[in-house]
Amino acid sequence: MEVYTTENEQLDAVRRFFSENGKALAVGVVLGVGALLGWRYWQSHQNASMMAASDAYQQANEQLAAGKADGVAAEEKFIQANSNSYGVLAALQLAKHFVEQNDFAKAEQQLVVAQGQTKDESLLAIINLRLAHVQLQEKKLDEALKTLDGVKGEGWLAMAQDVRGDVLLAKGDIKGAREAYSKGIESNPSQALAGLMRMKLNNLSS
């Protein structure tokens, strides 16, 4: 590396540097500013999109909750237009609505839609637990067991074992149901869930 001993030499070096690299620097500055502006625009656009999705989600839910004739259609339209977390939440809400109507086939359809729109483990666990419940109601017992295999994370283990026990019991597998409930109790569940599984175990013993 050169050492410059006078101000003139240093000034000449700076001039040479800009003379040789001026165009590249100008392009770099333009690209840098463009990237920064583009990033800020993208963030602003994303924020605006999520705000709009939040408002639309609220409106669709209110229509559904109010029992309006077009409530289901509004929720379905929202889900189709929003492949994001709001779309997943709307699909869960619509599935709940169909369960309350005892329309388990449509509830399953919405849960499968929700399943395909998120990679979040917690959301997927909730979706899979609800889907397994619905499949149990539909007597799709092997499918329900497969769905439960997709429930990941220790925090969901007790709930998954509770549903697994119910499915195995429906299949006539008393031993398997007993093992599932026992594993659920051992996995540090809430007091209410532990009590429920103990009651189910006691019923198996009687």
N, C-alpha and C. Protein backbone atom coordinates (compact mmCIF):
# COMPACT_ATOMS: atom_id res chain seq x y z
N MET A 1 0.85 -1.19 0.00
CA MET A 1 0.00 0.00 0.00
C MET A 1 0.88 1.24 0.00
N GLU A 2 0.57 2.21 -0.90
CA GLU A 2 1.39 3.43 -1.00
C GLU A 2 1.22 4.29 0.25
N VAL A 3 2.30 5.01 0.62
CA VAL A 3 2.26 5.95 1.73
C VAL A 3 2.44 7.34 1.14
N TYR A 4 1.51 8.28 1.43
CA TYR A 4 1.55 9.61 0.85
C TYR A 4 2.03 10.58 1.91
N THR A 5 3.07 11.31 1.54
CA THR A 5 3.72 12.17 2.52
C THR A 5 3.29 13.62 2.42
N THR A 6 2.68 14.00 1.32
CA THR A 6 2.27 15.40 1.19
C THR A 6 0.78 15.45 0.87
N GLU A 7 0.16 16.62 1.16
CA GLU A 7 -1.26 16.81 0.88
C GLU A 7 -1.53 16.71 -0.61
N ASN A 8 -0.58 17.23 -1.44
CA ASN A 8 -0.77 17.20 -2.88
C ASN A 8 -0.82 15.76 -3.40
N GLU A 9 0.08 14.93 -2.89
CA GLU A 9 0.08 13.53 -3.31
C GLU A 9 -1.22 12.84 -2.91
N GLN A 10 -1.69 13.16 -1.69
CA GLN A 10 -2.94 12.56 -1.22
C GLN A 10 -4.10 13.03 -2.10
N LEU A 11 -4.12 14.32 -2.44
CA LEU A 11 -5.18 14.87 -3.28
C LEU A 11 -5.15 14.25 -4.67
N ASP A 12 -3.94 14.11 -5.21
CA ASP A 12 -3.80 13.48 -6.53
C ASP A 12 -4.31 12.04 -6.49
N ALA A 13 -4.04 11.34 -5.41
CA ALA A 13 -4.47 9.94 -5.28
C ALA A 13 -5.99 9.86 -5.25
N VAL A 14 -6.60 10.81 -4.55
CA VAL A 14 -8.07 10.83 -4.48
C VAL A 14 -8.65 11.11 -5.86
N ARG A 15 -8.02 12.08 -6.57
CA ARG A 15 -8.50 12.41 -7.91
C ARG A 15 -8.39 11.21 -8.84
N ARG A 16 -7.24 10.53 -8.76
CA ARG A 16 -7.05 9.35 -9.62
C ARG A 16 -8.09 8.27 -9.31
N PHE A 17 -8.35 8.09 -8.03
CA PHE A 17 -9.31 7.06 -7.61
C PHE A 17 -10.69 7.32 -8.19
N PHE A 18 -11.13 8.61 -8.08
CA PHE A 18 -12.46 8.94 -8.62
C PHE A 18 -12.48 8.94 -10.13
N SER A 19 -11.33 9.29 -10.72
CA SER A 19 -11.25 9.27 -12.17
C SER A 19 -11.37 7.84 -12.69
N GLU A 20 -10.71 6.91 -11.98
CA GLU A 20 -10.71 5.51 -12.41
C GLU A 20 -11.99 4.77 -11.99
N ASN A 21 -12.57 5.17 -10.87
CA ASN A 21 -13.70 4.40 -10.31
C ASN A 21 -15.00 5.19 -10.19
N GLY A 22 -14.99 6.41 -10.74
CA GLY A 22 -16.15 7.28 -10.57
C GLY A 22 -17.45 6.67 -11.07
N LYS A 23 -17.39 6.07 -12.28
CA LYS A 23 -18.60 5.49 -12.86
C LYS A 23 -19.12 4.34 -12.01
N ALA A 24 -18.18 3.50 -11.58
CA ALA A 24 -18.58 2.34 -10.76
C ALA A 24 -19.19 2.80 -9.45
N LEU A 25 -18.62 3.84 -8.87
CA LEU A 25 -19.16 4.37 -7.61
C LEU A 25 -20.55 4.94 -7.82
N ALA A 26 -20.72 5.68 -8.91
CA ALA A 26 -22.03 6.28 -9.19
C ALA A 26 -23.08 5.20 -9.36
N VAL A 27 -22.73 4.15 -10.11
CA VAL A 27 -23.67 3.04 -10.29
C VAL A 27 -23.98 2.38 -8.96
N GLY A 28 -22.93 2.20 -8.12
CA GLY A 28 -23.11 1.59 -6.81
C GLY A 28 -24.04 2.40 -5.93
N VAL A 29 -23.85 3.72 -5.96
CA VAL A 29 -24.70 4.61 -5.16
C VAL A 29 -26.14 4.52 -5.63
N VAL A 30 -26.33 4.56 -6.97
CA VAL A 30 -27.69 4.48 -7.52
C VAL A 30 -28.35 3.16 -7.14
N LEU A 31 -27.58 2.07 -7.29
CA LEU A 31 -28.13 0.75 -6.94
C LEU A 31 -28.45 0.67 -5.45
N GLY A 32 -27.53 1.22 -4.64
CA GLY A 32 -27.74 1.20 -3.19
C GLY A 32 -28.98 1.97 -2.79
N VAL A 33 -29.12 3.17 -3.34
CA VAL A 33 -30.29 3.99 -3.04
C VAL A 33 -31.55 3.32 -3.56
N GLY A 34 -31.44 2.76 -4.78
CA GLY A 34 -32.59 2.07 -5.35
C GLY A 34 -33.02 0.89 -4.50
N ALA A 35 -32.04 0.11 -4.01
CA ALA A 35 -32.35 -1.04 -3.16
C ALA A 35 -33.02 -0.60 -1.87
N LEU A 36 -32.49 0.48 -1.28
CA LEU A 36 -33.06 0.99 -0.04
C LEU A 36 -34.49 1.45 -0.24
N LEU A 37 -34.70 2.23 -1.30
CA LEU A 37 -36.06 2.71 -1.60
C LEU A 37 -36.99 1.54 -1.91
N GLY A 38 -36.45 0.57 -2.66
CA GLY A 38 -37.26 -0.60 -3.00
C GLY A 38 -37.65 -1.38 -1.77
N TRP A 39 -36.67 -1.55 -0.85
CA TRP A 39 -36.95 -2.26 0.41
C TRP A 39 -38.00 -1.52 1.22
N ARG A 40 -37.88 -0.20 1.32
CA ARG A 40 -38.86 0.58 2.09
C ARG A 40 -40.24 0.51 1.44
N TYR A 41 -40.28 0.55 0.11
CA TYR A 41 -41.56 0.45 -0.60
C TYR A 41 -42.19 -0.92 -0.35
N TRP A 42 -41.35 -1.96 -0.43
CA TRP A 42 -41.86 -3.32 -0.22
C TRP A 42 -42.41 -3.48 1.18
N GLN A 43 -41.66 -2.95 2.18
CA GLN A 43 -42.14 -3.02 3.56
C GLN A 43 -43.46 -2.27 3.72
N SER A 44 -43.51 -1.07 3.13
CA SER A 44 -44.73 -0.27 3.21
C SER A 44 -45.90 -0.99 2.54
N HIS A 45 -45.61 -1.61 1.38
CA HIS A 45 -46.65 -2.35 0.65
C HIS A 45 -47.13 -3.55 1.46
N GLN A 46 -46.16 -4.26 2.08
CA GLN A 46 -46.51 -5.43 2.90
C GLN A 46 -47.37 -5.02 4.09
N ASN A 47 -46.97 -3.94 4.76
CA ASN A 47 -47.74 -3.46 5.90
C ASN A 47 -49.15 -3.06 5.50
N ALA A 48 -49.26 -2.36 4.37
CA ALA A 48 -50.57 -1.93 3.88
C ALA A 48 -51.42 -3.14 3.51
N SER A 49 -50.79 -4.16 2.89
CA SER A 49 -51.52 -5.36 2.49
C SER A 49 -52.04 -6.11 3.70
N MET A 50 -51.20 -6.22 4.74
CA MET A 50 -51.61 -6.94 5.95
C MET A 50 -52.70 -6.19 6.70
N MET A 51 -52.63 -4.86 6.68
CA MET A 51 -53.68 -4.06 7.32
C MET A 51 -55.01 -4.27 6.59
N ALA A 52 -54.95 -4.26 5.26
CA ALA A 52 -56.15 -4.49 4.46
C ALA A 52 -56.70 -5.89 4.70
N ALA A 53 -55.80 -6.88 4.79
CA ALA A 53 -56.21 -8.26 5.05
C ALA A 53 -56.86 -8.38 6.42
N SER A 54 -56.30 -7.67 7.39
CA SER A 54 -56.85 -7.70 8.75
C SER A 54 -58.27 -7.15 8.77
N ASP A 55 -58.48 -6.03 8.09
CA ASP A 55 -59.82 -5.42 8.03
C ASP A 55 -60.81 -6.35 7.32
N ALA A 56 -60.37 -6.91 6.20
CA ALA A 56 -61.25 -7.80 5.43
C ALA A 56 -61.57 -9.07 6.22
N TYR A 57 -60.58 -9.56 6.96
CA TYR A 57 -60.78 -10.75 7.80
C TYR A 57 -61.82 -10.48 8.87
N GLN A 58 -61.72 -9.31 9.49
CA GLN A 58 -62.67 -8.93 10.53
C GLN A 58 -64.10 -8.84 9.96
N GLN A 59 -64.22 -8.23 8.81
CA GLN A 59 -65.54 -8.08 8.19
C GLN A 59 -66.14 -9.44 7.81
N ALA A 60 -65.31 -10.31 7.24
CA ALA A 60 -65.80 -11.63 6.84
C ALA A 60 -66.23 -12.44 8.05
N ASN A 61 -65.47 -12.35 9.14
CA ASN A 61 -65.81 -13.07 10.36
C ASN A 61 -67.11 -12.56 10.98
N GLU A 62 -67.28 -11.25 10.93
CA GLU A 62 -68.50 -10.66 11.49
C GLU A 62 -69.73 -11.13 10.71
N GLN A 63 -69.59 -11.21 9.37
CA GLN A 63 -70.70 -11.69 8.54
C GLN A 63 -71.03 -13.15 8.87
N LEU A 64 -69.99 -13.95 9.06
CA LEU A 64 -70.19 -15.36 9.37
C LEU A 64 -70.82 -15.53 10.74
N ALA A 65 -70.30 -14.79 11.74
CA ALA A 65 -70.81 -14.89 13.10
C ALA A 65 -72.25 -14.40 13.20
N ALA A 66 -72.62 -13.43 12.38
CA ALA A 66 -73.97 -12.88 12.42
C ALA A 66 -74.99 -13.79 11.75
N GLY A 67 -74.48 -14.86 11.12
CA GLY A 67 -75.38 -15.80 10.47
C GLY A 67 -76.01 -15.26 9.20
N LYS A 68 -75.35 -14.30 8.58
CA LYS A 68 -75.88 -13.73 7.33
C LYS A 68 -75.83 -14.76 6.21
N ALA A 69 -76.77 -14.64 5.30
CA ALA A 69 -76.90 -15.62 4.21
C ALA A 69 -75.62 -15.74 3.39
N ASP A 70 -74.95 -14.62 3.18
CA ASP A 70 -73.73 -14.64 2.36
C ASP A 70 -72.46 -14.73 3.21
N GLY A 71 -72.61 -15.05 4.50
CA GLY A 71 -71.46 -15.12 5.40
C GLY A 71 -70.45 -16.17 5.00
N VAL A 72 -70.93 -17.37 4.66
CA VAL A 72 -70.04 -18.45 4.25
C VAL A 72 -69.33 -18.09 2.95
N ALA A 73 -70.08 -17.54 2.00
CA ALA A 73 -69.51 -17.16 0.71
C ALA A 73 -68.43 -16.09 0.89
N ALA A 74 -68.69 -15.13 1.78
CA ALA A 74 -67.72 -14.05 2.04
C ALA A 74 -66.44 -14.62 2.64
N GLU A 75 -66.60 -15.58 3.55
CA GLU A 75 -65.42 -16.19 4.19
C GLU A 75 -64.64 -17.01 3.18
N GLU A 76 -65.33 -17.75 2.34
CA GLU A 76 -64.65 -18.56 1.32
C GLU A 76 -63.91 -17.67 0.33
N LYS A 77 -64.53 -16.57 -0.06
CA LYS A 77 -63.89 -15.64 -0.99
C LYS A 77 -62.63 -15.04 -0.37
N PHE A 78 -62.71 -14.70 0.93
CA PHE A 78 -61.55 -14.15 1.62
C PHE A 78 -60.41 -15.16 1.67
N ILE A 79 -60.73 -16.42 1.97
CA ILE A 79 -59.71 -17.47 2.07
C ILE A 79 -59.00 -17.65 0.73
N GLN A 80 -59.77 -17.65 -0.37
CA GLN A 80 -59.19 -17.82 -1.70
C GLN A 80 -58.26 -16.67 -2.07
N ALA A 81 -58.55 -15.48 -1.55
CA ALA A 81 -57.77 -14.29 -1.91
C ALA A 81 -56.58 -14.06 -0.98
N ASN A 82 -56.48 -14.83 0.11
CA ASN A 82 -55.43 -14.56 1.10
C ASN A 82 -54.71 -15.84 1.51
N SER A 83 -53.61 -16.12 0.83
CA SER A 83 -52.78 -17.28 1.17
C SER A 83 -51.74 -16.86 2.21
N ASN A 84 -52.23 -16.34 3.34
CA ASN A 84 -51.36 -15.89 4.42
C ASN A 84 -51.99 -16.33 5.75
N SER A 85 -51.45 -15.82 6.85
CA SER A 85 -51.94 -16.23 8.17
C SER A 85 -53.41 -15.90 8.36
N TYR A 86 -53.85 -14.77 7.80
CA TYR A 86 -55.27 -14.41 7.92
C TYR A 86 -56.15 -15.41 7.16
N GLY A 87 -55.66 -15.87 6.01
CA GLY A 87 -56.40 -16.88 5.26
C GLY A 87 -56.52 -18.18 6.04
N VAL A 88 -55.43 -18.55 6.74
CA VAL A 88 -55.43 -19.76 7.57
C VAL A 88 -56.43 -19.62 8.71
N LEU A 89 -56.40 -18.48 9.38
CA LEU A 89 -57.33 -18.24 10.50
C LEU A 89 -58.78 -18.26 10.03
N ALA A 90 -59.01 -17.69 8.85
CA ALA A 90 -60.37 -17.68 8.30
C ALA A 90 -60.83 -19.10 7.97
N ALA A 91 -59.93 -19.91 7.43
CA ALA A 91 -60.27 -21.30 7.13
C ALA A 91 -60.59 -22.08 8.40
N LEU A 92 -59.84 -21.81 9.47
CA LEU A 92 -60.12 -22.45 10.76
C LEU A 92 -61.49 -22.02 11.29
N GLN A 93 -61.79 -20.74 11.13
CA GLN A 93 -63.08 -20.22 11.58
C GLN A 93 -64.23 -20.83 10.79
N LEU A 94 -64.04 -20.95 9.49
CA LEU A 94 -65.10 -21.53 8.65
C LEU A 94 -65.27 -23.02 8.95
N ALA A 95 -64.16 -23.71 9.21
CA ALA A 95 -64.24 -25.13 9.58
C ALA A 95 -65.02 -25.29 10.87
N LYS A 96 -64.78 -24.41 11.83
CA LYS A 96 -65.51 -24.44 13.10
C LYS A 96 -67.01 -24.25 12.86
N HIS A 97 -67.34 -23.33 11.96
CA HIS A 97 -68.73 -23.08 11.61
C HIS A 97 -69.38 -24.35 11.05
N PHE A 98 -68.67 -25.04 10.15
CA PHE A 98 -69.22 -26.25 9.54
C PHE A 98 -69.37 -27.38 10.57
N VAL A 99 -68.42 -27.45 11.52
CA VAL A 99 -68.53 -28.46 12.59
C VAL A 99 -69.79 -28.21 13.40
N GLU A 100 -70.06 -26.95 13.70
CA GLU A 100 -71.26 -26.60 14.46
C GLU A 100 -72.54 -26.94 13.69
N GLN A 101 -72.41 -26.98 12.35
CA GLN A 101 -73.54 -27.36 11.50
C GLN A 101 -73.57 -28.88 11.24
N ASN A 102 -72.62 -29.60 11.88
CA ASN A 102 -72.47 -31.05 11.66
C ASN A 102 -72.16 -31.41 10.20
N ASP A 103 -71.56 -30.46 9.49
CA ASP A 103 -71.13 -30.71 8.12
C ASP A 103 -69.62 -30.97 8.15
N PHE A 104 -69.28 -32.19 8.53
CA PHE A 104 -67.87 -32.52 8.75
C PHE A 104 -67.07 -32.61 7.46
N ALA A 105 -67.73 -32.95 6.37
CA ALA A 105 -67.02 -33.03 5.09
C ALA A 105 -66.50 -31.65 4.68
N LYS A 106 -67.35 -30.62 4.81
CA LYS A 106 -66.93 -29.26 4.45
C LYS A 106 -65.90 -28.74 5.45
N ALA A 107 -66.05 -29.12 6.71
CA ALA A 107 -65.06 -28.72 7.72
C ALA A 107 -63.70 -29.29 7.37
N GLU A 108 -63.69 -30.54 6.95
CA GLU A 108 -62.42 -31.18 6.55
C GLU A 108 -61.80 -30.44 5.37
N GLN A 109 -62.61 -30.06 4.40
CA GLN A 109 -62.10 -29.35 3.23
C GLN A 109 -61.38 -28.06 3.64
N GLN A 110 -61.98 -27.31 4.54
CA GLN A 110 -61.39 -26.05 4.97
C GLN A 110 -60.10 -26.26 5.76
N LEU A 111 -60.07 -27.31 6.56
CA LEU A 111 -58.86 -27.61 7.34
C LEU A 111 -57.71 -28.05 6.44
N VAL A 112 -58.04 -28.76 5.37
CA VAL A 112 -57.01 -29.15 4.41
C VAL A 112 -56.46 -27.92 3.69
N VAL A 113 -57.35 -26.97 3.38
CA VAL A 113 -56.92 -25.71 2.77
C VAL A 113 -55.96 -24.98 3.72
N ALA A 114 -56.35 -24.88 4.98
CA ALA A 114 -55.51 -24.21 5.99
C ALA A 114 -54.17 -24.90 6.13
N GLN A 115 -54.20 -26.22 6.09
CA GLN A 115 -52.98 -27.03 6.22
C GLN A 115 -51.97 -26.70 5.13
N GLY A 116 -52.46 -26.42 3.94
CA GLY A 116 -51.58 -26.14 2.81
C GLY A 116 -51.10 -24.70 2.72
N GLN A 117 -51.60 -23.84 3.62
CA GLN A 117 -51.26 -22.42 3.52
C GLN A 117 -50.30 -21.93 4.61
N THR A 118 -49.79 -22.84 5.43
CA THR A 118 -48.86 -22.38 6.47
C THR A 118 -47.77 -23.41 6.72
N LYS A 119 -46.62 -22.92 7.16
CA LYS A 119 -45.53 -23.79 7.58
C LYS A 119 -45.22 -23.59 9.06
N ASP A 120 -46.02 -22.73 9.70
CA ASP A 120 -45.83 -22.47 11.12
C ASP A 120 -46.22 -23.72 11.93
N GLU A 121 -45.29 -24.22 12.75
CA GLU A 121 -45.51 -25.48 13.46
C GLU A 121 -46.69 -25.42 14.42
N SER A 122 -46.84 -24.30 15.11
CA SER A 122 -47.94 -24.18 16.07
C SER A 122 -49.29 -24.17 15.36
N LEU A 123 -49.38 -23.40 14.28
CA LEU A 123 -50.62 -23.37 13.51
C LEU A 123 -50.93 -24.75 12.91
N LEU A 124 -49.88 -25.41 12.40
CA LEU A 124 -50.08 -26.73 11.81
C LEU A 124 -50.55 -27.73 12.86
N ALA A 125 -50.02 -27.61 14.08
CA ALA A 125 -50.43 -28.51 15.16
C ALA A 125 -51.92 -28.34 15.45
N ILE A 126 -52.36 -27.08 15.54
CA ILE A 126 -53.78 -26.80 15.80
C ILE A 126 -54.65 -27.34 14.66
N ILE A 127 -54.21 -27.08 13.42
CA ILE A 127 -54.97 -27.54 12.26
C ILE A 127 -55.08 -29.06 12.25
N ASN A 128 -53.96 -29.74 12.48
CA ASN A 128 -53.95 -31.20 12.44
C ASN A 128 -54.78 -31.81 13.57
N LEU A 129 -54.75 -31.21 14.73
CA LEU A 129 -55.57 -31.71 15.84
C LEU A 129 -57.06 -31.58 15.49
N ARG A 130 -57.44 -30.44 14.94
CA ARG A 130 -58.85 -30.24 14.58
C ARG A 130 -59.25 -31.16 13.42
N LEU A 131 -58.33 -31.33 12.48
CA LEU A 131 -58.60 -32.21 11.34
C LEU A 131 -58.79 -33.65 11.81
N ALA A 132 -57.95 -34.09 12.75
CA ALA A 132 -58.08 -35.46 13.28
C ALA A 132 -59.42 -35.63 14.00
N HIS A 133 -59.84 -34.61 14.74
CA HIS A 133 -61.16 -34.64 15.39
C HIS A 133 -62.28 -34.82 14.36
N VAL A 134 -62.19 -34.05 13.28
CA VAL A 134 -63.21 -34.11 12.24
C VAL A 134 -63.20 -35.48 11.56
N GLN A 135 -62.01 -35.99 11.26
CA GLN A 135 -61.89 -37.29 10.61
C GLN A 135 -62.42 -38.40 11.53
N LEU A 136 -62.26 -38.23 12.82
CA LEU A 136 -62.84 -39.19 13.78
C LEU A 136 -64.36 -39.17 13.67
N GLN A 137 -64.94 -37.99 13.57
CA GLN A 137 -66.39 -37.87 13.42
C GLN A 137 -66.87 -38.51 12.11
N GLU A 138 -66.02 -38.43 11.09
CA GLU A 138 -66.37 -39.01 9.79
C GLU A 138 -66.06 -40.50 9.71
N LYS A 139 -65.51 -41.06 10.80
CA LYS A 139 -65.10 -42.47 10.85
C LYS A 139 -63.93 -42.77 9.91
N LYS A 140 -63.17 -41.74 9.58
CA LYS A 140 -61.96 -41.93 8.77
C LYS A 140 -60.80 -42.15 9.76
N LEU A 141 -60.81 -43.29 10.38
CA LEU A 141 -59.93 -43.52 11.53
C LEU A 141 -58.46 -43.63 11.15
N ASP A 142 -58.16 -44.34 10.08
CA ASP A 142 -56.75 -44.46 9.67
C ASP A 142 -56.21 -43.11 9.21
N GLU A 143 -57.04 -42.34 8.53
CA GLU A 143 -56.62 -41.00 8.11
C GLU A 143 -56.37 -40.10 9.31
N ALA A 144 -57.20 -40.25 10.33
CA ALA A 144 -57.04 -39.45 11.55
C ALA A 144 -55.71 -39.76 12.22
N LEU A 145 -55.35 -41.03 12.28
CA LEU A 145 -54.06 -41.43 12.89
C LEU A 145 -52.89 -40.85 12.09
N LYS A 146 -53.02 -40.87 10.77
CA LYS A 146 -51.97 -40.30 9.92
C LYS A 146 -51.86 -38.79 10.13
N THR A 147 -52.99 -38.13 10.27
CA THR A 147 -53.00 -36.68 10.52
C THR A 147 -52.31 -36.36 11.84
N LEU A 148 -52.55 -37.18 12.85
CA LEU A 148 -51.94 -36.95 14.16
C LEU A 148 -50.42 -37.10 14.12
N ASP A 149 -49.91 -37.88 13.18
CA ASP A 149 -48.46 -38.02 13.03
C ASP A 149 -47.83 -36.68 12.64
N GLY A 150 -48.64 -35.79 12.08
CA GLY A 150 -48.13 -34.48 11.67
C GLY A 150 -48.13 -33.44 12.77
N VAL A 151 -48.60 -33.81 13.97
CA VAL A 151 -48.59 -32.87 15.11
C VAL A 151 -47.21 -32.92 15.75
N LYS A 152 -46.46 -31.85 15.64
CA LYS A 152 -45.08 -31.79 16.13
C LYS A 152 -44.99 -30.84 17.33
N GLY A 153 -43.99 -31.09 18.17
CA GLY A 153 -43.73 -30.21 19.31
C GLY A 153 -44.24 -30.82 20.62
N GLU A 154 -43.39 -30.76 21.64
CA GLU A 154 -43.75 -31.36 22.94
C GLU A 154 -44.99 -30.74 23.54
N GLY A 155 -45.21 -29.45 23.30
CA GLY A 155 -46.35 -28.77 23.89
C GLY A 155 -47.69 -29.30 23.40
N TRP A 156 -47.68 -30.01 22.28
CA TRP A 156 -48.92 -30.54 21.71
C TRP A 156 -49.08 -32.04 21.93
N LEU A 157 -48.09 -32.66 22.56
CA LEU A 157 -48.07 -34.12 22.69
C LEU A 157 -49.29 -34.65 23.44
N ALA A 158 -49.62 -34.03 24.57
CA ALA A 158 -50.73 -34.52 25.39
C ALA A 158 -52.04 -34.48 24.61
N MET A 159 -52.29 -33.37 23.91
CA MET A 159 -53.53 -33.25 23.14
C MET A 159 -53.58 -34.26 22.01
N ALA A 160 -52.42 -34.48 21.36
CA ALA A 160 -52.37 -35.45 20.27
C ALA A 160 -52.63 -36.86 20.79
N GLN A 161 -52.08 -37.19 21.95
CA GLN A 161 -52.28 -38.52 22.53
C GLN A 161 -53.73 -38.72 22.97
N ASP A 162 -54.35 -37.66 23.44
CA ASP A 162 -55.77 -37.74 23.83
C ASP A 162 -56.63 -38.10 22.62
N VAL A 163 -56.41 -37.39 21.51
CA VAL A 163 -57.19 -37.67 20.30
C VAL A 163 -56.82 -39.05 19.74
N ARG A 164 -55.53 -39.40 19.79
CA ARG A 164 -55.10 -40.71 19.31
C ARG A 164 -55.81 -41.82 20.09
N GLY A 165 -55.92 -41.63 21.40
CA GLY A 165 -56.62 -42.61 22.22
C GLY A 165 -58.06 -42.77 21.79
N ASP A 166 -58.71 -41.64 21.50
CA ASP A 166 -60.12 -41.68 21.05
C ASP A 166 -60.25 -42.43 19.72
N VAL A 167 -59.30 -42.17 18.81
CA VAL A 167 -59.34 -42.82 17.50
C VAL A 167 -59.10 -44.32 17.63
N LEU A 168 -58.12 -44.70 18.43
CA LEU A 168 -57.82 -46.12 18.62
C LEU A 168 -58.98 -46.83 19.31
N LEU A 169 -59.61 -46.15 20.24
CA LEU A 169 -60.78 -46.72 20.90
C LEU A 169 -61.90 -46.97 19.90
N ALA A 170 -62.09 -46.01 18.99
CA ALA A 170 -63.11 -46.16 17.94
C ALA A 170 -62.78 -47.32 17.01
N LYS A 171 -61.49 -47.63 16.87
CA LYS A 171 -61.08 -48.77 16.05
C LYS A 171 -61.19 -50.10 16.80
N GLY A 172 -61.50 -50.02 18.10
CA GLY A 172 -61.59 -51.23 18.92
C GLY A 172 -60.27 -51.66 19.50
N ASP A 173 -59.24 -50.80 19.40
CA ASP A 173 -57.91 -51.11 19.94
C ASP A 173 -57.82 -50.58 21.38
N ILE A 174 -58.31 -51.39 22.32
CA ILE A 174 -58.35 -50.96 23.72
C ILE A 174 -56.94 -50.77 24.28
N LYS A 175 -56.06 -51.70 23.97
CA LYS A 175 -54.68 -51.61 24.45
C LYS A 175 -54.00 -50.35 23.93
N GLY A 176 -54.16 -50.09 22.63
CA GLY A 176 -53.55 -48.90 22.03
C GLY A 176 -54.11 -47.63 22.63
N ALA A 177 -55.42 -47.60 22.87
CA ALA A 177 -56.05 -46.41 23.47
C ALA A 177 -55.50 -46.18 24.87
N ARG A 178 -55.37 -47.27 25.64
CA ARG A 178 -54.85 -47.15 27.00
C ARG A 178 -53.42 -46.59 27.00
N GLU A 179 -52.62 -47.06 26.07
CA GLU A 179 -51.23 -46.59 25.97
C GLU A 179 -51.19 -45.11 25.58
N ALA A 180 -52.08 -44.71 24.66
CA ALA A 180 -52.10 -43.31 24.22
C ALA A 180 -52.50 -42.39 25.36
N TYR A 181 -53.55 -42.74 26.09
CA TYR A 181 -53.98 -41.91 27.22
C TYR A 181 -52.89 -41.84 28.29
N SER A 182 -52.22 -42.97 28.54
CA SER A 182 -51.16 -43.00 29.55
C SER A 182 -50.00 -42.10 29.15
N LYS A 183 -49.62 -42.16 27.87
CA LYS A 183 -48.54 -41.28 27.38
C LYS A 183 -48.95 -39.82 27.50
N GLY A 184 -50.22 -39.55 27.22
CA GLY A 184 -50.70 -38.18 27.34
C GLY A 184 -50.61 -37.67 28.76
N ILE A 185 -50.99 -38.50 29.71
CA ILE A 185 -50.95 -38.11 31.13
C ILE A 185 -49.51 -37.87 31.57
N GLU A 186 -48.58 -38.66 31.04
CA GLU A 186 -47.16 -38.54 31.42
C GLU A 186 -46.46 -37.35 30.77
N SER A 187 -47.10 -36.70 29.82
CA SER A 187 -46.44 -35.63 29.05
C SER A 187 -46.76 -34.23 29.57
N ASN A 188 -47.07 -34.13 30.84
CA ASN A 188 -47.28 -32.85 31.51
C ASN A 188 -48.39 -32.02 30.88
N PRO A 189 -49.61 -32.58 30.82
CA PRO A 189 -50.74 -31.83 30.25
C PRO A 189 -51.30 -30.85 31.26
N SER A 190 -52.28 -30.06 30.82
CA SER A 190 -52.99 -29.19 31.75
C SER A 190 -53.78 -30.07 32.73
N GLN A 191 -54.13 -29.49 33.84
CA GLN A 191 -54.86 -30.25 34.87
C GLN A 191 -56.19 -30.79 34.31
N ALA A 192 -56.88 -29.96 33.55
CA ALA A 192 -58.17 -30.37 32.99
C ALA A 192 -58.01 -31.53 32.02
N LEU A 193 -57.00 -31.45 31.13
CA LEU A 193 -56.79 -32.50 30.16
C LEU A 193 -56.33 -33.79 30.83
N ALA A 194 -55.47 -33.66 31.84
CA ALA A 194 -55.02 -34.84 32.58
C ALA A 194 -56.21 -35.53 33.23
N GLY A 195 -57.10 -34.76 33.83
CA GLY A 195 -58.30 -35.32 34.47
C GLY A 195 -59.18 -36.04 33.47
N LEU A 196 -59.31 -35.46 32.27
CA LEU A 196 -60.14 -36.05 31.23
C LEU A 196 -59.57 -37.39 30.79
N MET A 197 -58.25 -37.45 30.59
CA MET A 197 -57.63 -38.69 30.14
C MET A 197 -57.66 -39.76 31.23
N ARG A 198 -57.53 -39.36 32.49
CA ARG A 198 -57.65 -40.32 33.59
C ARG A 198 -59.05 -40.92 33.62
N MET A 199 -60.06 -40.09 33.37
CA MET A 199 -61.44 -40.57 33.34
C MET A 199 -61.62 -41.58 32.22
N LYS A 200 -61.03 -41.29 31.05
CA LYS A 200 -61.12 -42.21 29.92
C LYS A 200 -60.41 -43.52 30.23
N LEU A 201 -59.27 -43.44 30.92
CA LEU A 201 -58.56 -44.65 31.31
C LEU A 201 -59.39 -45.49 32.29
N ASN A 202 -60.00 -44.83 33.23
CA ASN A 202 -60.84 -45.52 34.21
C ASN A 202 -62.02 -46.21 33.53
N ASN A 203 -62.58 -45.56 32.53
CA ASN A 203 -63.69 -46.15 31.79
C ASN A 203 -63.25 -47.41 31.04
N LEU A 204 -62.00 -47.41 30.58
CA LEU A 204 -61.49 -48.59 29.89
C LEU A 204 -61.29 -49.76 30.84
N SER A 205 -61.01 -49.45 32.10
CA SER A 205 -60.74 -50.49 33.08
C SER A 205 -62.01 -51.11 33.64
N SER A 206 -63.13 -50.37 33.52
CA SER A 206 -64.39 -50.83 34.12
C SER A 206 -65.14 -51.78 33.20
